[in-house]
């Protein structure tokens, strides 16, 4: 388990999206530790092990999709209370509605706006440091 750090888990199979998220966390959210999973199965294992403060998950993933992933997190007593946000290029109103109904607390559309994304994460995890 990552000690003395606030962790965020990102479950994403697209290399460029993962690299962008690494950059955002390194430059804009350096006090948070970014954990990375390339598929849902790996993400579920990391979530159980580290119990991150927030999970960001793509919808379109190999083997299991994000809907199956959020269902798996909600059915496990060790991870059921962790907030899970969808981060997806599927941006139609019906996609957002389906994601929220499936159990995602927020549905963020790609491409992410860096400033607004950073503010959302800060407000969710570091309210004392979020800019007013």
N, C-alpha and C. Protein backbone atom coordinates (compact mmCIF):
# COMPACT_ATOMS: atom_id res chain seq x y z
N UNK A 1 0.84 -1.18 0.00
CA UNK A 1 0.00 0.00 0.00
C UNK A 1 0.89 1.24 0.00
N UNK A 2 0.48 2.26 -0.75
CA UNK A 2 1.22 3.51 -0.78
C UNK A 2 0.97 4.22 0.54
N UNK A 3 2.01 4.51 1.27
CA UNK A 3 1.89 5.10 2.61
C UNK A 3 1.95 6.63 2.56
N UNK A 4 1.16 7.25 3.45
CA UNK A 4 1.21 8.70 3.65
C UNK A 4 1.01 9.50 2.36
N UNK A 5 0.21 9.00 1.49
CA UNK A 5 -0.05 9.72 0.25
C UNK A 5 -1.52 9.59 -0.10
N UNK A 6 -2.05 10.63 -0.70
CA UNK A 6 -3.41 10.54 -1.23
C UNK A 6 -3.28 10.00 -2.64
N UNK A 7 -3.90 8.86 -2.89
CA UNK A 7 -3.78 8.20 -4.18
C UNK A 7 -5.03 8.40 -5.03
N UNK A 8 -4.80 8.50 -6.32
CA UNK A 8 -5.86 8.48 -7.32
C UNK A 8 -5.50 7.38 -8.30
N UNK A 9 -6.45 6.53 -8.61
CA UNK A 9 -6.24 5.43 -9.55
C UNK A 9 -6.85 5.81 -10.89
N UNK A 10 -6.09 5.66 -11.97
CA UNK A 10 -6.59 5.91 -13.32
C UNK A 10 -6.56 4.60 -14.09
N UNK A 11 -7.73 4.17 -14.56
CA UNK A 11 -7.86 2.94 -15.34
C UNK A 11 -8.11 3.35 -16.79
N UNK A 12 -7.12 3.11 -17.63
CA UNK A 12 -7.12 3.64 -19.00
C UNK A 12 -6.22 2.78 -19.88
N UNK A 13 -6.69 2.41 -21.06
CA UNK A 13 -5.87 1.59 -21.96
C UNK A 13 -5.20 2.39 -23.07
N UNK A 14 -5.53 3.66 -23.19
CA UNK A 14 -4.95 4.50 -24.24
C UNK A 14 -3.68 5.17 -23.73
N UNK A 15 -2.56 4.90 -24.40
CA UNK A 15 -1.27 5.39 -23.95
C UNK A 15 -1.21 6.92 -23.88
N UNK A 16 -1.72 7.60 -24.89
CA UNK A 16 -1.64 9.07 -24.88
C UNK A 16 -2.49 9.67 -23.76
N UNK A 17 -3.64 9.07 -23.46
CA UNK A 17 -4.46 9.55 -22.35
C UNK A 17 -3.75 9.34 -21.02
N UNK A 18 -3.07 8.20 -20.88
CA UNK A 18 -2.33 7.92 -19.65
C UNK A 18 -1.17 8.90 -19.49
N UNK A 19 -0.46 9.18 -20.58
CA UNK A 19 0.65 10.13 -20.52
C UNK A 19 0.17 11.52 -20.14
N UNK A 20 -0.96 11.93 -20.69
CA UNK A 20 -1.53 13.24 -20.34
C UNK A 20 -1.88 13.29 -18.86
N UNK A 21 -2.50 12.23 -18.35
CA UNK A 21 -2.88 12.21 -16.93
C UNK A 21 -1.63 12.26 -16.05
N UNK A 22 -0.59 11.52 -16.42
CA UNK A 22 0.67 11.59 -15.66
C UNK A 22 1.19 13.02 -15.62
N UNK A 23 1.15 13.69 -16.75
CA UNK A 23 1.64 15.08 -16.83
C UNK A 23 0.81 16.00 -15.93
N UNK A 24 -0.50 15.85 -15.99
CA UNK A 24 -1.38 16.69 -15.16
C UNK A 24 -1.06 16.49 -13.68
N UNK A 25 -0.93 15.24 -13.26
CA UNK A 25 -0.66 14.98 -11.84
C UNK A 25 0.74 15.47 -11.45
N UNK A 26 1.71 15.28 -12.30
CA UNK A 26 3.07 15.71 -11.97
C UNK A 26 3.17 17.22 -11.85
N UNK A 27 2.54 17.93 -12.78
CA UNK A 27 2.67 19.39 -12.83
C UNK A 27 1.64 20.14 -11.99
N UNK A 28 0.42 19.64 -11.94
CA UNK A 28 -0.67 20.40 -11.32
C UNK A 28 -1.19 19.80 -10.01
N UNK A 29 -0.95 18.52 -9.78
CA UNK A 29 -1.44 17.85 -8.57
C UNK A 29 -0.32 17.03 -7.94
N UNK A 30 0.82 17.66 -7.68
CA UNK A 30 2.01 16.89 -7.25
C UNK A 30 1.88 16.24 -5.87
N UNK A 31 0.94 16.70 -5.05
CA UNK A 31 0.78 16.09 -3.72
C UNK A 31 -0.03 14.80 -3.77
N UNK A 32 -0.56 14.48 -4.93
CA UNK A 32 -1.33 13.25 -5.09
C UNK A 32 -0.49 12.22 -5.83
N UNK A 33 -0.65 10.97 -5.45
CA UNK A 33 0.03 9.87 -6.12
C UNK A 33 -0.92 9.26 -7.14
N UNK A 34 -0.47 9.17 -8.39
CA UNK A 34 -1.28 8.58 -9.45
C UNK A 34 -0.90 7.11 -9.60
N UNK A 35 -1.89 6.25 -9.40
CA UNK A 35 -1.73 4.82 -9.65
C UNK A 35 -2.32 4.54 -11.03
N UNK A 36 -1.70 3.63 -11.78
CA UNK A 36 -2.13 3.39 -13.15
C UNK A 36 -2.49 1.92 -13.37
N UNK A 37 -3.61 1.71 -14.05
CA UNK A 37 -4.01 0.37 -14.46
C UNK A 37 -4.42 0.45 -15.93
N UNK A 38 -4.04 -0.57 -16.68
CA UNK A 38 -4.29 -0.59 -18.12
C UNK A 38 -5.55 -1.37 -18.49
N UNK A 39 -6.19 -2.01 -17.47
CA UNK A 39 -7.45 -2.71 -17.71
C UNK A 39 -8.22 -2.80 -16.39
N UNK A 40 -9.47 -3.20 -16.47
CA UNK A 40 -10.34 -3.22 -15.29
C UNK A 40 -9.84 -4.22 -14.24
N UNK A 41 -9.44 -5.40 -14.67
CA UNK A 41 -9.00 -6.41 -13.71
C UNK A 41 -7.82 -5.89 -12.87
N UNK A 42 -6.84 -5.29 -13.53
CA UNK A 42 -5.70 -4.70 -12.82
C UNK A 42 -6.17 -3.55 -11.92
N UNK A 43 -7.10 -2.75 -12.41
CA UNK A 43 -7.63 -1.64 -11.63
C UNK A 43 -8.34 -2.09 -10.37
N UNK A 44 -9.14 -3.15 -10.47
CA UNK A 44 -9.84 -3.66 -9.29
C UNK A 44 -8.84 -4.15 -8.25
N UNK A 45 -7.79 -4.82 -8.70
CA UNK A 45 -6.77 -5.31 -7.76
C UNK A 45 -6.06 -4.14 -7.07
N UNK A 46 -5.71 -3.11 -7.83
CA UNK A 46 -5.05 -1.94 -7.24
C UNK A 46 -5.98 -1.20 -6.28
N UNK A 47 -7.26 -1.13 -6.62
CA UNK A 47 -8.23 -0.46 -5.75
C UNK A 47 -8.34 -1.18 -4.42
N UNK A 48 -8.38 -2.51 -4.45
CA UNK A 48 -8.47 -3.28 -3.20
C UNK A 48 -7.20 -3.12 -2.36
N UNK A 49 -6.05 -3.09 -3.03
CA UNK A 49 -4.77 -3.01 -2.33
C UNK A 49 -4.51 -1.63 -1.73
N UNK A 50 -4.75 -0.58 -2.50
CA UNK A 50 -4.36 0.77 -2.09
C UNK A 50 -5.50 1.62 -1.57
N UNK A 51 -6.74 1.25 -1.86
CA UNK A 51 -7.91 2.03 -1.47
C UNK A 51 -7.72 3.52 -1.78
N UNK A 52 -7.63 3.86 -3.07
CA UNK A 52 -7.42 5.26 -3.45
C UNK A 52 -8.58 6.14 -3.02
N UNK A 53 -8.32 7.43 -2.96
CA UNK A 53 -9.36 8.41 -2.58
C UNK A 53 -10.32 8.66 -3.73
N UNK A 54 -9.88 8.36 -4.96
CA UNK A 54 -10.69 8.60 -6.16
C UNK A 54 -10.22 7.63 -7.24
N UNK A 55 -11.17 7.14 -8.03
CA UNK A 55 -10.85 6.31 -9.19
C UNK A 55 -11.40 6.99 -10.43
N UNK A 56 -10.53 7.15 -11.42
CA UNK A 56 -10.90 7.68 -12.72
C UNK A 56 -10.87 6.50 -13.69
N UNK A 57 -11.94 6.30 -14.46
CA UNK A 57 -11.99 5.13 -15.32
C UNK A 57 -12.57 5.45 -16.68
N UNK A 58 -11.87 4.97 -17.70
CA UNK A 58 -12.39 5.05 -19.07
C UNK A 58 -13.57 4.08 -19.17
N UNK A 59 -14.43 4.28 -20.16
CA UNK A 59 -15.55 3.39 -20.40
C UNK A 59 -15.14 2.28 -21.38
N UNK A 60 -14.49 2.68 -22.47
CA UNK A 60 -14.10 1.74 -23.52
C UNK A 60 -12.77 1.08 -23.15
N UNK A 61 -12.83 -0.08 -22.53
CA UNK A 61 -11.65 -0.80 -22.09
C UNK A 61 -11.69 -2.23 -22.62
N UNK A 62 -10.52 -2.87 -22.77
CA UNK A 62 -10.49 -4.25 -23.26
C UNK A 62 -11.01 -5.22 -22.19
N UNK A 63 -11.52 -6.35 -22.61
CA UNK A 63 -12.00 -7.42 -21.75
C UNK A 63 -13.25 -7.02 -20.97
N UNK A 64 -13.12 -6.13 -19.99
CA UNK A 64 -14.27 -5.61 -19.24
C UNK A 64 -14.34 -4.11 -19.51
N UNK A 65 -15.56 -3.59 -19.68
CA UNK A 65 -15.68 -2.14 -19.89
C UNK A 65 -15.85 -1.42 -18.55
N UNK A 66 -15.90 -0.11 -18.61
CA UNK A 66 -16.01 0.70 -17.40
C UNK A 66 -17.29 0.43 -16.60
N UNK A 67 -18.37 0.06 -17.29
CA UNK A 67 -19.61 -0.24 -16.58
C UNK A 67 -19.45 -1.48 -15.73
N UNK A 68 -18.78 -2.49 -16.27
CA UNK A 68 -18.50 -3.70 -15.49
C UNK A 68 -17.53 -3.38 -14.35
N UNK A 69 -16.60 -2.47 -14.63
CA UNK A 69 -15.63 -2.08 -13.61
C UNK A 69 -16.28 -1.38 -12.43
N UNK A 70 -17.16 -0.43 -12.70
CA UNK A 70 -17.81 0.28 -11.60
C UNK A 70 -18.73 -0.67 -10.85
N UNK A 71 -19.36 -1.60 -11.55
CA UNK A 71 -20.20 -2.60 -10.87
C UNK A 71 -19.35 -3.47 -9.94
N UNK A 72 -18.16 -3.85 -10.40
CA UNK A 72 -17.25 -4.64 -9.56
C UNK A 72 -16.80 -3.88 -8.33
N UNK A 73 -16.52 -2.61 -8.49
CA UNK A 73 -16.11 -1.78 -7.34
C UNK A 73 -17.25 -1.62 -6.35
N UNK A 74 -18.46 -1.44 -6.84
CA UNK A 74 -19.62 -1.24 -5.96
C UNK A 74 -20.00 -2.51 -5.23
N UNK A 75 -19.70 -3.68 -5.81
CA UNK A 75 -20.09 -4.94 -5.18
C UNK A 75 -19.07 -5.44 -4.15
N UNK A 76 -17.92 -4.78 -4.06
CA UNK A 76 -16.87 -5.19 -3.12
C UNK A 76 -16.91 -4.28 -1.89
N UNK A 77 -17.11 -4.84 -0.69
CA UNK A 77 -17.18 -4.00 0.51
C UNK A 77 -15.92 -3.14 0.73
N UNK A 78 -14.77 -3.57 0.21
CA UNK A 78 -13.53 -2.81 0.38
C UNK A 78 -13.44 -1.60 -0.53
N UNK A 79 -14.23 -1.57 -1.60
CA UNK A 79 -14.12 -0.47 -2.57
C UNK A 79 -15.44 0.24 -2.83
N UNK A 80 -16.51 -0.21 -2.21
CA UNK A 80 -17.83 0.33 -2.54
C UNK A 80 -17.98 1.82 -2.26
N UNK A 81 -17.23 2.36 -1.31
CA UNK A 81 -17.39 3.78 -0.96
C UNK A 81 -16.41 4.71 -1.69
N UNK A 82 -15.53 4.15 -2.52
CA UNK A 82 -14.57 5.00 -3.25
C UNK A 82 -15.29 5.70 -4.40
N UNK A 83 -15.18 7.02 -4.50
CA UNK A 83 -15.79 7.72 -5.64
C UNK A 83 -15.14 7.28 -6.94
N UNK A 84 -15.98 7.04 -7.95
CA UNK A 84 -15.49 6.63 -9.27
C UNK A 84 -16.05 7.59 -10.31
N UNK A 85 -15.14 8.20 -11.07
CA UNK A 85 -15.53 9.13 -12.13
C UNK A 85 -15.22 8.51 -13.48
N UNK A 86 -16.18 8.57 -14.40
CA UNK A 86 -15.93 8.15 -15.77
C UNK A 86 -15.13 9.25 -16.47
N UNK A 87 -14.17 8.83 -17.29
CA UNK A 87 -13.41 9.75 -18.15
C UNK A 87 -13.47 9.13 -19.53
N UNK A 88 -14.31 9.70 -20.40
CA UNK A 88 -14.61 9.01 -21.65
C UNK A 88 -14.77 9.96 -22.82
N UNK A 89 -14.44 9.44 -24.01
CA UNK A 89 -14.68 10.18 -25.25
C UNK A 89 -16.12 10.00 -25.71
N UNK A 90 -16.84 9.06 -25.13
CA UNK A 90 -18.27 8.88 -25.44
C UNK A 90 -19.02 10.01 -24.76
N UNK A 91 -19.40 11.01 -25.54
CA UNK A 91 -19.82 12.28 -24.94
C UNK A 91 -21.27 12.67 -25.23
N UNK A 92 -22.06 11.77 -25.77
CA UNK A 92 -23.46 12.09 -26.00
C UNK A 92 -24.22 12.15 -24.68
N UNK A 93 -25.32 12.88 -24.65
CA UNK A 93 -26.12 12.99 -23.43
C UNK A 93 -26.53 11.62 -22.91
N UNK A 94 -26.89 10.70 -23.82
CA UNK A 94 -27.28 9.34 -23.41
C UNK A 94 -26.11 8.60 -22.77
N UNK A 95 -24.88 8.83 -23.26
CA UNK A 95 -23.69 8.20 -22.67
C UNK A 95 -23.50 8.68 -21.24
N UNK A 96 -23.63 9.98 -21.04
CA UNK A 96 -23.47 10.56 -19.71
C UNK A 96 -24.55 10.01 -18.77
N UNK A 97 -25.79 10.00 -19.24
CA UNK A 97 -26.89 9.48 -18.42
C UNK A 97 -26.65 8.02 -18.04
N UNK A 98 -26.24 7.20 -19.01
CA UNK A 98 -25.97 5.79 -18.74
C UNK A 98 -24.84 5.63 -17.72
N UNK A 99 -23.80 6.45 -17.85
CA UNK A 99 -22.68 6.38 -16.91
C UNK A 99 -23.09 6.72 -15.49
N UNK A 100 -23.86 7.78 -15.34
CA UNK A 100 -24.29 8.19 -14.00
C UNK A 100 -25.24 7.15 -13.40
N UNK A 101 -26.13 6.58 -14.24
CA UNK A 101 -27.03 5.54 -13.76
C UNK A 101 -26.28 4.26 -13.38
N UNK A 102 -25.13 4.03 -14.02
CA UNK A 102 -24.33 2.83 -13.74
C UNK A 102 -23.56 2.94 -12.43
N UNK A 103 -23.45 4.15 -11.88
CA UNK A 103 -22.78 4.30 -10.60
C UNK A 103 -21.58 5.22 -10.58
N UNK A 104 -21.25 5.82 -11.72
CA UNK A 104 -20.17 6.82 -11.71
C UNK A 104 -20.70 8.09 -11.05
N UNK A 105 -19.88 8.71 -10.19
CA UNK A 105 -20.33 9.93 -9.53
C UNK A 105 -20.24 11.15 -10.43
N UNK A 106 -19.26 11.14 -11.31
CA UNK A 106 -19.11 12.21 -12.30
C UNK A 106 -18.79 11.55 -13.63
N UNK A 107 -19.11 12.25 -14.71
CA UNK A 107 -18.82 11.77 -16.05
C UNK A 107 -18.08 12.90 -16.76
N UNK A 108 -16.77 12.73 -16.91
CA UNK A 108 -15.94 13.74 -17.55
C UNK A 108 -15.70 13.37 -19.00
N UNK A 109 -15.87 14.34 -19.88
CA UNK A 109 -15.72 14.09 -21.31
C UNK A 109 -14.32 14.42 -21.78
N UNK A 110 -13.76 13.52 -22.60
CA UNK A 110 -12.47 13.77 -23.25
C UNK A 110 -12.72 14.60 -24.50
N UNK A 111 -11.84 15.50 -24.86
CA UNK A 111 -10.61 15.81 -24.13
C UNK A 111 -10.91 16.62 -22.88
N UNK A 112 -10.15 16.34 -21.84
CA UNK A 112 -10.32 17.04 -20.57
C UNK A 112 -9.81 18.47 -20.68
N UNK A 113 -10.52 19.39 -20.06
CA UNK A 113 -9.99 20.74 -19.89
C UNK A 113 -9.12 20.72 -18.64
N UNK A 114 -7.84 20.96 -18.78
CA UNK A 114 -6.92 20.77 -17.66
C UNK A 114 -7.32 21.60 -16.45
N UNK A 115 -7.60 22.87 -16.63
CA UNK A 115 -7.94 23.73 -15.50
C UNK A 115 -9.16 23.26 -14.74
N UNK A 116 -10.22 22.95 -15.46
CA UNK A 116 -11.45 22.51 -14.79
C UNK A 116 -11.27 21.14 -14.16
N UNK A 117 -10.52 20.25 -14.81
CA UNK A 117 -10.26 18.93 -14.24
C UNK A 117 -9.48 19.05 -12.93
N UNK A 118 -8.43 19.85 -12.92
CA UNK A 118 -7.62 20.03 -11.72
C UNK A 118 -8.47 20.59 -10.59
N UNK A 119 -9.31 21.56 -10.89
CA UNK A 119 -10.20 22.15 -9.87
C UNK A 119 -11.14 21.10 -9.30
N UNK A 120 -11.72 20.27 -10.15
CA UNK A 120 -12.64 19.23 -9.67
C UNK A 120 -11.93 18.26 -8.74
N UNK A 121 -10.73 17.83 -9.11
CA UNK A 121 -9.99 16.89 -8.26
C UNK A 121 -9.62 17.56 -6.94
N UNK A 122 -9.13 18.80 -7.01
CA UNK A 122 -8.77 19.51 -5.77
C UNK A 122 -9.98 19.67 -4.86
N UNK A 123 -11.11 20.04 -5.43
CA UNK A 123 -12.32 20.24 -4.63
C UNK A 123 -12.77 18.92 -4.00
N UNK A 124 -12.60 17.82 -4.74
CA UNK A 124 -13.04 16.52 -4.23
C UNK A 124 -12.09 15.96 -3.17
N UNK A 125 -10.77 16.21 -3.33
CA UNK A 125 -9.80 15.55 -2.48
C UNK A 125 -9.02 16.47 -1.56
N UNK A 126 -8.87 17.72 -1.94
CA UNK A 126 -8.06 18.64 -1.17
C UNK A 126 -8.80 19.95 -0.98
N UNK A 127 -9.94 19.92 -0.32
CA UNK A 127 -10.74 21.15 -0.22
C UNK A 127 -9.98 22.30 0.46
N UNK A 128 -9.04 21.97 1.34
CA UNK A 128 -8.31 23.06 2.01
C UNK A 128 -7.33 23.76 1.09
N UNK A 129 -6.97 23.14 -0.04
CA UNK A 129 -6.01 23.77 -0.94
C UNK A 129 -6.64 24.24 -2.24
N UNK A 130 -7.91 23.93 -2.45
CA UNK A 130 -8.56 24.34 -3.68
C UNK A 130 -8.68 25.86 -3.71
N UNK A 131 -8.45 26.42 -4.89
CA UNK A 131 -8.58 27.87 -5.02
C UNK A 131 -10.04 28.25 -4.93
N UNK A 132 -10.28 29.33 -4.25
CA UNK A 132 -11.66 29.79 -4.06
C UNK A 132 -12.06 30.69 -5.21
